[in-house]
Amino acid sequence: MVMKKILQYEFYVFIGMLMVVGTVAKLIFGIDIDSDWFWFIAGVALVLDGSMNFVKQRQFKSKYKIISRKEFDEVWSKLEPTKK
């Protein structure tokens, strides 16, 4: 279970580290890197983050059902024993 979570976030962390290393290389060592590459890497990270959130939301919805207060009261009234 823990290993699965690590693998899910592994690429996200890798992309973040890639951006940090690229920025440091550009600022300190003067390497000429086009800013479009940073936008591309940021876009890939956003796609990965969005897909992970989408999968987690689907897992949540399949596990739990969210109902309104009115629906809850209707179900609860059916479950309560009749009062004498």
PDB file of N, CA and C in Angstrom:
ATOM      1  N   MET A   1       0.828  -1.197   0.000  1.00  0.00           N
ATOM      2  CA  MET A   1       0.000   0.000   0.000  1.00  0.00           C
ATOM      3  C   MET A   1       0.872   1.261   0.000  1.00  0.00           C
ATOM      4  N   VAL A   2       1.875   1.299   0.860  1.00  0.00           N
ATOM      5  CA  VAL A   2       2.756   2.465   0.944  1.00  0.00           C
ATOM      6  C   VAL A   2       3.564   2.598  -0.347  1.00  0.00           C
ATOM      7  N   MET A   3       4.013   1.476  -0.874  1.00  0.00           N
ATOM      8  CA  MET A   3       4.797   1.506  -2.104  1.00  0.00           C
ATOM      9  C   MET A   3       3.956   2.030  -3.266  1.00  0.00           C
ATOM     10  N   LYS A   4       2.670   1.666  -3.305  1.00  0.00           N
ATOM     11  CA  LYS A   4       1.781   2.149  -4.367  1.00  0.00           C
ATOM     12  C   LYS A   4       1.641   3.669  -4.298  1.00  0.00           C
ATOM     13  N   LYS A   5       1.518   4.208  -3.076  1.00  0.00           N
ATOM     14  CA  LYS A   5       1.414   5.661  -2.917  1.00  0.00           C
ATOM     15  C   LYS A   5       2.697   6.355  -3.346  1.00  0.00           C
ATOM     16  N   ILE A   6       3.832   5.746  -3.021  1.00  0.00           N
ATOM     17  CA  ILE A   6       5.111   6.333  -3.409  1.00  0.00           C
ATOM     18  C   ILE A   6       5.224   6.352  -4.925  1.00  0.00           C
ATOM     19  N   LEU A   7       4.831   5.274  -5.592  1.00  0.00           N
ATOM     20  CA  LEU A   7       4.914   5.215  -7.050  1.00  0.00           C
ATOM     21  C   LEU A   7       3.977   6.216  -7.710  1.00  0.00           C
ATOM     22  N   GLN A   8       2.827   6.497  -7.083  1.00  0.00           N
ATOM     23  CA  GLN A   8       1.901   7.463  -7.654  1.00  0.00           C
ATOM     24  C   GLN A   8       2.504   8.856  -7.662  1.00  0.00           C
ATOM     25  N   TYR A   9       3.216   9.210  -6.636  1.00  0.00           N
ATOM     26  CA  TYR A   9       3.762  10.559  -6.518  1.00  0.00           C
ATOM     27  C   TYR A   9       5.207  10.666  -7.000  1.00  0.00           C
ATOM     28  N   GLU A  10       5.785   9.554  -7.358  1.00  0.00           N
ATOM     29  CA  GLU A  10       7.180   9.536  -7.773  1.00  0.00           C
ATOM     30  C   GLU A  10       7.425  10.436  -8.980  1.00  0.00           C
ATOM     31  N   PHE A  11       6.588  10.348  -9.987  1.00  0.00           N
ATOM     32  CA  PHE A  11       6.779  11.159 -11.190  1.00  0.00           C
ATOM     33  C   PHE A  11       6.529  12.632 -10.902  1.00  0.00           C
ATOM     34  N   TYR A  12       5.588  12.926 -10.039  1.00  0.00           N
ATOM     35  CA  TYR A  12       5.292  14.311  -9.684  1.00  0.00           C
ATOM     36  C   TYR A  12       6.498  14.947  -8.994  1.00  0.00           C
ATOM     37  N   VAL A  13       7.112  14.216  -8.083  1.00  0.00           N
ATOM     38  CA  VAL A  13       8.301  14.711  -7.389  1.00  0.00           C
ATOM     39  C   VAL A  13       9.470  14.829  -8.381  1.00  0.00           C
ATOM     40  N   PHE A  14       9.599  13.867  -9.269  1.00  0.00           N
ATOM     41  CA  PHE A  14      10.669  13.912 -10.273  1.00  0.00           C
ATOM     42  C   PHE A  14      10.550  15.154 -11.150  1.00  0.00           C
ATOM     43  N   ILE A  15       9.356  15.480 -11.574  1.00  0.00           N
ATOM     44  CA  ILE A  15       9.147  16.657 -12.419  1.00  0.00           C
ATOM     45  C   ILE A  15       9.464  17.931 -11.643  1.00  0.00           C
ATOM     46  N   GLY A  16       9.073  17.984 -10.373  1.00  0.00           N
ATOM     47  CA  GLY A  16       9.418  19.138  -9.545  1.00  0.00           C
ATOM     48  C   GLY A  16      10.920  19.304  -9.396  1.00  0.00           C
ATOM     49  N   MET A  17      11.603  18.191  -9.175  1.00  0.00           N
ATOM     50  CA  MET A  17      13.067  18.254  -9.057  1.00  0.00           C
ATOM     51  C   MET A  17      13.707  18.677 -10.378  1.00  0.00           C
ATOM     52  N   LEU A  18      13.142  18.223 -11.488  1.00  0.00           N
ATOM     53  CA  LEU A  18      13.648  18.612 -12.798  1.00  0.00           C
ATOM     54  C   LEU A  18      13.532  20.121 -12.993  1.00  0.00           C
ATOM     55  N   MET A  19      12.427  20.702 -12.551  1.00  0.00           N
ATOM     56  CA  MET A  19      12.257  22.153 -12.667  1.00  0.00           C
ATOM     57  C   MET A  19      13.240  22.895 -11.771  1.00  0.00           C
ATOM     58  N   VAL A  20      13.460  22.390 -10.567  1.00  0.00           N
ATOM     59  CA  VAL A  20      14.400  23.042  -9.651  1.00  0.00           C
ATOM     60  C   VAL A  20      15.820  22.993 -10.211  1.00  0.00           C
ATOM     61  N   VAL A  21      16.223  21.831 -10.682  1.00  0.00           N
ATOM     62  CA  VAL A  21      17.571  21.691 -11.232  1.00  0.00           C
ATOM     63  C   VAL A  21      17.729  22.575 -12.473  1.00  0.00           C
ATOM     64  N   GLY A  22      16.721  22.622 -13.313  1.00  0.00           N
ATOM     65  CA  GLY A  22      16.782  23.475 -14.498  1.00  0.00           C
ATOM     66  C   GLY A  22      16.898  24.945 -14.140  1.00  0.00           C
ATOM     67  N   THR A  23      16.143  25.370 -13.136  1.00  0.00           N
ATOM     68  CA  THR A  23      16.210  26.773 -12.703  1.00  0.00           C
ATOM     69  C   THR A  23      17.571  27.106 -12.112  1.00  0.00           C
ATOM     70  N   VAL A  24      18.097  26.220 -11.279  1.00  0.00           N
ATOM     71  CA  VAL A  24      19.413  26.451 -10.682  1.00  0.00           C
ATOM     72  C   VAL A  24      20.489  26.495 -11.778  1.00  0.00           C
ATOM     73  N   ALA A  25      20.390  25.589 -12.734  1.00  0.00           N
ATOM     74  CA  ALA A  25      21.369  25.573 -13.825  1.00  0.00           C
ATOM     75  C   ALA A  25      21.301  26.860 -14.633  1.00  0.00           C
ATOM     76  N   LYS A  26      20.098  27.363 -14.824  1.00  0.00           N
ATOM     77  CA  LYS A  26      19.945  28.601 -15.600  1.00  0.00           C
ATOM     78  C   LYS A  26      20.456  29.816 -14.826  1.00  0.00           C
ATOM     79  N   LEU A  27      20.161  29.877 -13.536  1.00  0.00           N
ATOM     80  CA  LEU A  27      20.541  31.045 -12.751  1.00  0.00           C
ATOM     81  C   LEU A  27      22.013  31.054 -12.355  1.00  0.00           C
ATOM     82  N   ILE A  28      22.518  29.946 -11.889  1.00  0.00           N
ATOM     83  CA  ILE A  28      23.884  29.927 -11.363  1.00  0.00           C
ATOM     84  C   ILE A  28      24.918  29.686 -12.461  1.00  0.00           C
ATOM     85  N   PHE A  29      24.656  28.709 -13.315  1.00  0.00           N
ATOM     86  CA  PHE A  29      25.648  28.321 -14.307  1.00  0.00           C
ATOM     87  C   PHE A  29      25.461  29.021 -15.651  1.00  0.00           C
ATOM     88  N   GLY A  30      24.393  29.791 -15.805  1.00  0.00           N
ATOM     89  CA  GLY A  30      24.191  30.557 -17.019  1.00  0.00           C
ATOM     90  C   GLY A  30      23.823  29.728 -18.240  1.00  0.00           C
ATOM     91  N   ILE A  31      23.313  28.527 -18.024  1.00  0.00           N
ATOM     92  CA  ILE A  31      22.901  27.681 -19.143  1.00  0.00           C
ATOM     93  C   ILE A  31      21.654  28.292 -19.772  1.00  0.00           C
ATOM     94  N   ASP A  32      21.636  28.352 -21.094  1.00  0.00           N
ATOM     95  CA  ASP A  32      20.511  28.964 -21.795  1.00  0.00           C
ATOM     96  C   ASP A  32      19.416  27.914 -22.023  1.00  0.00           C
ATOM     97  N   ILE A  33      18.363  28.007 -21.231  1.00  0.00           N
ATOM     98  CA  ILE A  33      17.211  27.111 -21.358  1.00  0.00           C
ATOM     99  C   ILE A  33      16.003  27.988 -21.668  1.00  0.00           C
ATOM    100  N   ASP A  34      15.308  27.642 -22.730  1.00  0.00           N
ATOM    101  CA  ASP A  34      14.129  28.407 -23.129  1.00  0.00           C
ATOM    102  C   ASP A  34      13.034  28.245 -22.066  1.00  0.00           C
ATOM    103  N   SER A  35      12.337  29.326 -21.768  1.00  0.00           N
ATOM    104  CA  SER A  35      11.298  29.275 -20.733  1.00  0.00           C
ATOM    105  C   SER A  35      10.115  28.401 -21.138  1.00  0.00           C
ATOM    106  N   ASP A  36       9.965  28.159 -22.432  1.00  0.00           N
ATOM    107  CA  ASP A  36       8.883  27.276 -22.880  1.00  0.00           C
ATOM    108  C   ASP A  36       9.041  25.867 -22.320  1.00  0.00           C
ATOM    109  N   TRP A  37      10.285  25.444 -22.106  1.00  0.00           N
ATOM    110  CA  TRP A  37      10.495  24.116 -21.511  1.00  0.00           C
ATOM    111  C   TRP A  37       9.970  24.060 -20.078  1.00  0.00           C
ATOM    112  N   PHE A  38      10.148  25.148 -19.338  1.00  0.00           N
ATOM    113  CA  PHE A  38       9.634  25.168 -17.970  1.00  0.00           C
ATOM    114  C   PHE A  38       8.108  25.134 -17.960  1.00  0.00           C
ATOM    115  N   TRP A  39       7.492  25.841 -18.893  1.00  0.00           N
ATOM    116  CA  TRP A  39       6.033  25.794 -18.994  1.00  0.00           C
ATOM    117  C   TRP A  39       5.558  24.400 -19.383  1.00  0.00           C
ATOM    118  N   PHE A  40       6.288  23.743 -20.270  1.00  0.00           N
ATOM    119  CA  PHE A  40       5.939  22.379 -20.663  1.00  0.00           C
ATOM    120  C   PHE A  40       6.022  21.435 -19.469  1.00  0.00           C
ATOM    121  N   ILE A  41       7.099  21.541 -18.703  1.00  0.00           N
ATOM    122  CA  ILE A  41       7.275  20.675 -17.530  1.00  0.00           C
ATOM    123  C   ILE A  41       6.185  20.959 -16.503  1.00  0.00           C
ATOM    124  N   ALA A  42       5.862  22.235 -16.305  1.00  0.00           N
ATOM    125  CA  ALA A  42       4.786  22.591 -15.368  1.00  0.00           C
ATOM    126  C   ALA A  42       3.447  22.035 -15.853  1.00  0.00           C
ATOM    127  N   GLY A  43       3.198  22.066 -17.148  1.00  0.00           N
ATOM    128  CA  GLY A  43       1.966  21.509 -17.694  1.00  0.00           C
ATOM    129  C   GLY A  43       1.870  20.009 -17.484  1.00  0.00           C
ATOM    130  N   VAL A  44       2.978  19.311 -17.681  1.00  0.00           N
ATOM    131  CA  VAL A  44       2.997  17.861 -17.435  1.00  0.00           C
ATOM    132  C   VAL A  44       2.701  17.573 -15.961  1.00  0.00           C
ATOM    133  N   ALA A  45       3.288  18.374 -15.078  1.00  0.00           N
ATOM    134  CA  ALA A  45       3.040  18.184 -13.647  1.00  0.00           C
ATOM    135  C   ALA A  45       1.571  18.425 -13.309  1.00  0.00           C
ATOM    136  N   LEU A  46       0.968  19.434 -13.915  1.00  0.00           N
ATOM    137  CA  LEU A  46      -0.452  19.695 -13.662  1.00  0.00           C
ATOM    138  C   LEU A  46      -1.333  18.564 -14.176  1.00  0.00           C
ATOM    139  N   VAL A  47      -0.985  18.006 -15.325  1.00  0.00           N
ATOM    140  CA  VAL A  47      -1.753  16.878 -15.855  1.00  0.00           C
ATOM    141  C   VAL A  47      -1.637  15.673 -14.911  1.00  0.00           C
ATOM    142  N   LEU A  48      -0.445  15.405 -14.428  1.00  0.00           N
ATOM    143  CA  LEU A  48      -0.267  14.293 -13.490  1.00  0.00           C
ATOM    144  C   LEU A  48      -1.031  14.530 -12.198  1.00  0.00           C
ATOM    145  N   ASP A  49      -0.959  15.740 -11.673  1.00  0.00           N
ATOM    146  CA  ASP A  49      -1.667  16.059 -10.443  1.00  0.00           C
ATOM    147  C   ASP A  49      -3.180  15.937 -10.635  1.00  0.00           C
ATOM    148  N   GLY A  50      -3.676  16.454 -11.736  1.00  0.00           N
ATOM    149  CA  GLY A  50      -5.105  16.362 -12.004  1.00  0.00           C
ATOM    150  C   GLY A  50      -5.568  14.930 -12.169  1.00  0.00           C
ATOM    151  N   SER A  51      -4.767  14.108 -12.834  1.00  0.00           N
ATOM    152  CA  SER A  51      -5.168  12.714 -13.021  1.00  0.00           C
ATOM    153  C   SER A  51      -5.153  11.954 -11.701  1.00  0.00           C
ATOM    154  N   MET A  52      -4.176  12.249 -10.826  1.00  0.00           N
ATOM    155  CA  MET A  52      -4.161  11.597  -9.511  1.00  0.00           C
ATOM    156  C   MET A  52      -5.374  12.009  -8.697  1.00  0.00           C
ATOM    157  N   ASN A  53      -5.729  13.289  -8.731  1.00  0.00           N
ATOM    158  CA  ASN A  53      -6.912  13.744  -8.007  1.00  0.00           C
ATOM    159  C   ASN A  53      -8.183  13.125  -8.564  1.00  0.00           C
ATOM    160  N   PHE A  54      -8.271  12.984  -9.881  1.00  0.00           N
ATOM    161  CA  PHE A  54      -9.438  12.386 -10.516  1.00  0.00           C
ATOM    162  C   PHE A  54      -9.609  10.929 -10.081  1.00  0.00           C
ATOM    163  N   VAL A  55      -8.510  10.189 -10.060  1.00  0.00           N
ATOM    164  CA  VAL A  55      -8.569   8.786  -9.644  1.00  0.00           C
ATOM    165  C   VAL A  55      -8.994   8.687  -8.184  1.00  0.00           C
ATOM    166  N   LYS A  56      -8.433   9.534  -7.331  1.00  0.00           N
ATOM    167  CA  LYS A  56      -8.796   9.505  -5.908  1.00  0.00           C
ATOM    168  C   LYS A  56     -10.260   9.885  -5.699  1.00  0.00           C
ATOM    169  N   GLN A  57     -10.774  10.833  -6.476  1.00  0.00           N
ATOM    170  CA  GLN A  57     -12.178  11.229  -6.364  1.00  0.00           C
ATOM    171  C   GLN A  57     -13.093  10.081  -6.783  1.00  0.00           C
ATOM    172  N   ARG A  58     -12.724   9.363  -7.839  1.00  0.00           N
ATOM    173  CA  ARG A  58     -13.519   8.212  -8.274  1.00  0.00           C
ATOM    174  C   ARG A  58     -13.522   7.117  -7.209  1.00  0.00           C
ATOM    175  N   GLN A  59     -12.367   6.897  -6.558  1.00  0.00           N
ATOM    176  CA  GLN A  59     -12.292   5.901  -5.495  1.00  0.00           C
ATOM    177  C   GLN A  59     -13.180   6.319  -4.323  1.00  0.00           C
ATOM    178  N   PHE A  60     -13.177   7.603  -3.985  1.00  0.00           N
ATOM    179  CA  PHE A  60     -14.003   8.097  -2.893  1.00  0.00           C
ATOM    180  C   PHE A  60     -15.484   7.921  -3.210  1.00  0.00           C
ATOM    181  N   LYS A  61     -15.881   8.288  -4.440  1.00  0.00           N
ATOM    182  CA  LYS A  61     -17.288   8.186  -4.815  1.00  0.00           C
ATOM    183  C   LYS A  61     -17.762   6.745  -4.857  1.00  0.00           C
ATOM    184  N   SER A  62     -16.883   5.812  -5.214  1.00  0.00           N
ATOM    185  CA  SER A  62     -17.294   4.418  -5.243  1.00  0.00           C
ATOM    186  C   SER A  62     -17.381   3.831  -3.842  1.00  0.00           C
ATOM    187  N   LYS A  63     -16.691   4.433  -2.884  1.00  0.00           N
ATOM    188  CA  LYS A  63     -16.693   3.913  -1.518  1.00  0.00           C
ATOM    189  C   LYS A  63     -17.789   4.540  -0.662  1.00  0.00           C
ATOM    190  N   TYR A  64     -18.070   5.816  -0.852  1.00  0.00           N
ATOM    191  CA  TYR A  64     -19.033   6.537  -0.032  1.00  0.00           C
ATOM    192  C   TYR A  64     -20.136   7.137  -0.899  1.00  0.00           C
ATOM    193  N   LYS A  65     -21.315   7.255  -0.326  1.00  0.00           N
ATOM    194  CA  LYS A  65     -22.406   7.925  -1.018  1.00  0.00           C
ATOM    195  C   LYS A  65     -22.776   9.160  -0.206  1.00  0.00           C
ATOM    196  N   ILE A  66     -22.778  10.292  -0.853  1.00  0.00           N
ATOM    197  CA  ILE A  66     -23.127  11.541  -0.183  1.00  0.00           C
ATOM    198  C   ILE A  66     -24.594  11.811  -0.462  1.00  0.00           C
ATOM    199  N   ILE A  67     -25.344  11.993   0.627  1.00  0.00           N
ATOM    200  CA  ILE A  67     -26.774  12.241   0.496  1.00  0.00           C
ATOM    201  C   ILE A  67     -27.123  13.566   1.166  1.00  0.00           C
ATOM    202  N   SER A  68     -28.260  14.110   0.773  1.00  0.00           N
ATOM    203  CA  SER A  68     -28.695  15.378   1.353  1.00  0.00           C
ATOM    204  C   SER A  68     -29.346  15.123   2.712  1.00  0.00           C
ATOM    205  N   ARG A  69     -29.560  16.187   3.442  1.00  0.00           N
ATOM    206  CA  ARG A  69     -30.187  16.079   4.759  1.00  0.00           C
ATOM    207  C   ARG A  69     -31.598  15.502   4.635  1.00  0.00           C
ATOM    208  N   LYS A  70     -32.313  15.910   3.596  1.00  0.00           N
ATOM    209  CA  LYS A  70     -33.674  15.427   3.375  1.00  0.00           C
ATOM    210  C   LYS A  70     -33.677  13.908   3.145  1.00  0.00           C
ATOM    211  N   GLU A  71     -32.756  13.431   2.300  1.00  0.00           N
ATOM    212  CA  GLU A  71     -32.655  11.993   2.069  1.00  0.00           C
ATOM    213  C   GLU A  71     -32.294  11.250   3.352  1.00  0.00           C
ATOM    214  N   PHE A  72     -31.395  11.826   4.142  1.00  0.00           N
ATOM    215  CA  PHE A  72     -31.007  11.214   5.404  1.00  0.00           C
ATOM    216  C   PHE A  72     -32.201  11.096   6.342  1.00  0.00           C
ATOM    217  N   ASP A  73     -32.991  12.177   6.454  1.00  0.00           N
ATOM    218  CA  ASP A  73     -34.164  12.146   7.329  1.00  0.00           C
ATOM    219  C   ASP A  73     -35.171  11.098   6.880  1.00  0.00           C
ATOM    220  N   GLU A  74     -35.351  10.951   5.564  1.00  0.00           N
ATOM    221  CA  GLU A  74     -36.282   9.946   5.057  1.00  0.00           C
ATOM    222  C   GLU A  74     -35.815   8.535   5.404  1.00  0.00           C
ATOM    223  N   VAL A  75     -34.523   8.270   5.209  1.00  0.00           N
ATOM    224  CA  VAL A  75     -33.986   6.944   5.520  1.00  0.00           C
ATOM    225  C   VAL A  75     -34.033   6.700   7.017  1.00  0.00           C
ATOM    226  N   TRP A  76     -33.679   7.714   7.794  1.00  0.00           N
ATOM    227  CA  TRP A  76     -33.650   7.561   9.250  1.00  0.00           C
ATOM    228  C   TRP A  76     -35.048   7.317   9.805  1.00  0.00           C
ATOM    229  N   SER A  77     -36.047   7.983   9.245  1.00  0.00           N
ATOM    230  CA  SER A  77     -37.421   7.791   9.736  1.00  0.00           C
ATOM    231  C   SER A  77     -37.904   6.369   9.463  1.00  0.00           C
ATOM    232  N   LYS A  78     -37.450   5.749   8.418  1.00  0.00           N
ATOM    233  CA  LYS A  78     -37.809   4.356   8.111  1.00  0.00           C
ATOM    234  C   LYS A  78     -37.110   3.399   9.075  1.00  0.00           C
ATOM    235  N   LEU A  79     -35.942   3.783   9.560  1.00  0.00           N
ATOM    236  CA  LEU A  79     -35.189   2.900  10.443  1.00  0.00           C
ATOM    237  C   LEU A  79     -35.583   3.030  11.899  1.00  0.00           C
ATOM    238  N   GLU A  80     -36.126   4.167  12.300  1.00  0.00           N
ATOM    239  CA  GLU A  80     -36.514   4.363  13.694  1.00  0.00           C
ATOM    240  C   GLU A  80     -37.682   3.468  14.058  1.00  0.00           C
ATOM    241  N   PRO A  81     -37.618   2.873  15.242  1.00  0.00           N
ATOM    242  CA  PRO A  81     -38.782   2.086  15.662  1.00  0.00           C
ATOM    243  C   PRO A  81     -39.963   3.016  15.938  1.00  0.00           C
ATOM    244  N   THR A  82     -41.143   2.540  15.719  1.00  0.00           N
ATOM    245  CA  THR A  82     -42.323   3.356  15.952  1.00  0.00           C
ATOM    246  C   THR A  82     -42.459   3.653  17.442  1.00  0.00           C
ATOM    247  N   LYS A  83     -42.770   4.900  17.758  1.00  0.00           N
ATOM    248  CA  LYS A  83     -42.891   5.320  19.143  1.00  0.00           C
ATOM    249  C   LYS A  83     -44.304   5.046  19.621  1.00  0.00           C
ATOM    250  N   LYS A  84     -44.431   4.577  20.874  1.00  0.00           N
ATOM    251  CA  LYS A  84     -45.741   4.265  21.433  1.00  0.00           C
ATOM    252  C   LYS A  84     -46.304   5.417  22.209  1.00  0.00           C
TER     253      LYS A  84
END
